[in-house]
Amino acid sequence: MKILILRTISHTKIWEGEQKVCTYDTRAYEIIKQWEPNIEKFKTIDFSFCLGFYSNKYFSYLHPNGRNAYLGTENENKPSILNTFSLDNTNNFIRDNKKEINVEIKLIKKINSFNRDKMNELENILINIKRKELKLFTGYPSLCFSLDKNLVLSLLKKYNVDMESIGNM
């Protein structure tokens, strides 16, 4: 089993349960495919859950219209536990149209014991673990990647987050 790590720098409140799909556009597509070449083959049954992070850049990102991505809510400073689901009753939750990737998600809960610094610290640890796995130490980190479930659960326990109580594990 795996855990899907989802990150954003510009999707306002994407991990808050208000949207069912996170779209990674052409700017992120190539990096995601480099880190996860077979992402379109990911199935809901292969993933226990997802972790959604607001990247450090999210808090200062300005959309082309000048609007901040960050709205200043408390929940934007905490990672989210998400589940994957399929809109078309298959096991597929990733849509890859060769230009963008759509990930179908639903919020389970927020990790309330975190703040922004702790969230960004954990996010960076997960990125570095994946970089070591891929032997890829340069370039911008992918906004979407997978890691081994046991590795992520072990790391979360170090942060006093017990995922066994969440269910669907």
Protein backbone atom coordinates (compact mmCIF):
# COMPACT_ATOMS: atom_id res chain seq x y z
CA MET A 1 0.00 0.00 0.00
CA LYS A 2 1.02 3.57 -0.63
CA ILE A 3 0.23 7.07 0.53
CA LEU A 4 -0.28 9.83 -2.02
CA ILE A 5 1.32 13.16 -1.17
CA LEU A 6 -0.49 16.13 -2.70
CA ARG A 7 0.93 19.64 -2.57
CA THR A 8 -0.26 22.99 -3.83
CA ILE A 9 1.17 26.45 -4.27
CA SER A 10 -1.91 28.06 -5.83
CA HIS A 11 -5.15 26.09 -5.26
CA THR A 12 -7.06 28.14 -2.70
CA LYS A 13 -8.45 25.93 0.09
CA ILE A 14 -8.16 22.82 -2.12
CA TRP A 15 -7.70 20.45 0.84
CA GLU A 16 -10.75 21.74 2.74
CA GLY A 17 -13.37 19.46 1.18
CA GLU A 18 -14.95 22.16 -0.97
CA GLN A 19 -13.62 20.70 -4.24
CA LYS A 20 -13.66 17.10 -5.47
CA VAL A 21 -10.83 17.42 -7.98
CA CYS A 22 -7.37 18.91 -7.78
CA THR A 23 -5.98 19.81 -11.22
CA TYR A 24 -2.26 20.01 -11.86
CA ASP A 25 -1.73 21.92 -15.10
CA THR A 26 1.00 21.88 -17.72
CA ARG A 27 3.50 23.64 -15.46
CA ALA A 28 3.37 20.80 -12.94
CA TYR A 29 2.61 17.96 -15.36
CA GLU A 30 6.16 17.20 -16.54
CA ILE A 31 7.59 17.17 -13.03
CA ILE A 32 4.81 14.90 -11.75
CA LYS A 33 5.37 12.49 -14.65
CA GLN A 34 9.11 12.50 -13.92
CA TRP A 35 8.52 11.56 -10.29
CA GLU A 36 5.59 9.19 -11.01
CA PRO A 37 5.84 7.97 -14.65
CA ASN A 38 2.86 5.60 -14.26
CA ILE A 39 0.60 7.90 -12.30
CA GLU A 40 -2.33 7.31 -14.65
CA LYS A 41 -2.33 3.65 -13.52
CA PHE A 42 -2.80 4.50 -9.83
CA LYS A 43 -5.92 2.82 -8.39
CA THR A 44 -7.93 3.68 -5.28
CA ILE A 45 -7.27 0.19 -3.89
CA ASP A 46 -3.51 0.83 -3.91
CA PHE A 47 -3.69 3.86 -1.57
CA SER A 48 -4.65 3.98 2.09
CA PHE A 49 -5.06 7.74 2.12
CA CYS A 50 -3.54 10.98 0.87
CA LEU A 51 -1.89 13.84 2.68
CA GLY A 52 -2.62 17.32 1.36
CA PHE A 53 -0.12 20.10 2.03
CA TYR A 54 -0.16 23.82 1.41
CA SER A 55 3.41 24.40 0.23
CA ASN A 56 5.39 27.23 1.77
CA LYS A 57 5.04 29.15 -1.53
CA TYR A 58 1.23 28.96 -1.21
CA PHE A 59 1.23 31.58 1.53
CA SER A 60 2.73 34.25 -0.74
CA TYR A 61 1.42 33.10 -4.14
CA LEU A 62 -0.44 35.73 -6.16
CA HIS A 63 -2.82 34.67 -8.91
CA PRO A 64 -2.55 36.54 -12.25
CA ASN A 65 -5.49 38.70 -11.15
CA GLY A 66 -3.48 39.80 -8.09
CA ARG A 67 -5.52 37.78 -5.59
CA ASN A 68 -3.64 35.82 -2.91
CA ALA A 69 -4.05 32.05 -2.93
CA TYR A 70 -3.90 32.06 0.87
CA LEU A 71 -7.12 33.35 2.44
CA GLY A 72 -5.77 33.45 5.98
CA THR A 73 -7.89 30.66 7.44
CA GLU A 74 -6.59 28.53 10.30
CA ASN A 75 -7.19 25.31 8.35
CA GLU A 76 -4.88 26.40 5.54
CA ASN A 77 -2.06 26.09 8.07
CA LYS A 78 -2.69 22.37 8.70
CA PRO A 79 -2.24 19.32 6.48
CA SER A 80 -5.28 17.34 5.41
CA ILE A 81 -5.99 13.65 5.43
CA LEU A 82 -7.78 12.87 2.19
CA ASN A 83 -9.22 9.82 0.48
CA THR A 84 -9.18 9.08 -3.18
CA PHE A 85 -12.38 8.21 -4.97
CA SER A 86 -13.54 7.65 -8.50
CA LEU A 87 -16.25 9.73 -10.13
CA ASP A 88 -17.03 7.00 -12.66
CA ASN A 89 -17.26 3.95 -10.35
CA THR A 90 -13.93 2.52 -11.44
CA ASN A 91 -10.79 2.22 -9.32
CA ASN A 92 -9.20 5.09 -11.26
CA PHE A 93 -8.85 8.37 -9.41
CA ILE A 94 -6.18 9.97 -11.60
CA ARG A 95 -7.11 11.48 -14.94
CA ASP A 96 -4.11 12.11 -17.21
CA ASN A 97 -4.99 13.88 -20.46
CA LYS A 98 -1.30 14.38 -21.40
CA LYS A 99 -1.50 18.10 -20.52
CA GLU A 100 -2.80 18.06 -16.99
CA ILE A 101 -3.48 15.62 -14.22
CA ASN A 102 -6.72 15.58 -12.25
CA VAL A 103 -6.81 13.87 -8.86
CA GLU A 104 -10.21 13.02 -7.36
CA ILE A 105 -10.19 13.56 -3.60
CA LYS A 106 -12.38 14.00 -0.55
CA LEU A 107 -11.49 15.38 2.86
CA ILE A 108 -11.43 12.99 5.80
CA LYS A 109 -10.08 15.39 8.42
CA LYS A 110 -7.47 18.01 9.24
CA ILE A 111 -4.42 17.25 11.38
CA ASN A 112 -5.29 19.83 14.03
CA SER A 113 -2.13 19.34 16.09
CA PHE A 114 -0.10 20.99 13.30
CA ASN A 115 0.66 24.60 12.49
CA ARG A 116 2.18 26.02 9.30
CA ASP A 117 5.80 25.47 10.38
CA LYS A 118 5.18 21.87 11.40
CA MET A 119 3.23 21.23 8.17
CA ASN A 120 6.03 22.61 6.00
CA GLU A 121 8.64 20.67 8.00
CA LEU A 122 6.81 17.36 7.41
CA GLU A 123 6.23 18.22 3.75
CA ASN A 124 9.97 18.83 3.25
CA ILE A 125 10.88 15.56 4.97
CA LEU A 126 8.51 13.66 2.66
CA ILE A 127 9.94 15.44 -0.40
CA ASN A 128 13.48 14.56 0.63
CA ILE A 129 12.54 10.91 1.19
CA LYS A 130 11.12 10.75 -2.34
CA ARG A 131 14.16 12.55 -3.78
CA LYS A 132 16.44 9.92 -2.19
CA GLU A 133 14.23 7.13 -3.50
CA LEU A 134 14.45 8.57 -7.03
CA LYS A 135 18.08 9.69 -6.68
CA LEU A 136 16.87 13.06 -7.94
CA PHE A 137 18.33 15.91 -5.92
CA THR A 138 17.88 18.94 -8.16
CA GLY A 139 14.93 20.76 -9.66
CA TYR A 140 11.56 21.76 -8.29
CA PRO A 141 9.87 18.99 -6.26
CA SER A 142 6.76 17.35 -7.65
CA LEU A 143 3.39 18.50 -6.40
CA CYS A 144 2.11 14.91 -6.42
CA PHE A 145 3.98 11.73 -5.52
CA SER A 146 3.60 8.45 -3.66
CA LEU A 147 5.48 6.92 -0.76
CA ASP A 148 5.34 3.61 1.08
CA LYS A 149 2.50 3.51 3.62
CA ASN A 150 4.57 2.08 6.49
CA LEU A 151 7.26 4.70 6.02
CA VAL A 152 4.71 7.54 6.15
CA LEU A 153 2.84 6.04 9.13
CA SER A 154 6.12 5.71 11.02
CA LEU A 155 6.97 9.33 10.31
CA LEU A 156 3.50 10.52 11.34
CA LYS A 157 3.86 8.68 14.66
CA LYS A 158 6.97 10.76 15.34
CA TYR A 159 4.64 13.77 15.04
CA ASN A 160 2.15 12.11 17.44
CA VAL A 161 -0.38 11.48 14.68
CA ASP A 162 -2.02 8.08 15.06
CA MET A 163 -3.54 7.15 11.71
CA GLU A 164 -4.94 3.82 12.94
CA SER A 165 -7.88 5.72 14.42
CA ILE A 166 -8.81 7.21 11.03
CA GLY A 167 -10.09 4.03 9.39
CA ASN A 168 -9.65 2.79 5.80
CA MET A 169 -6.10 1.83 6.70
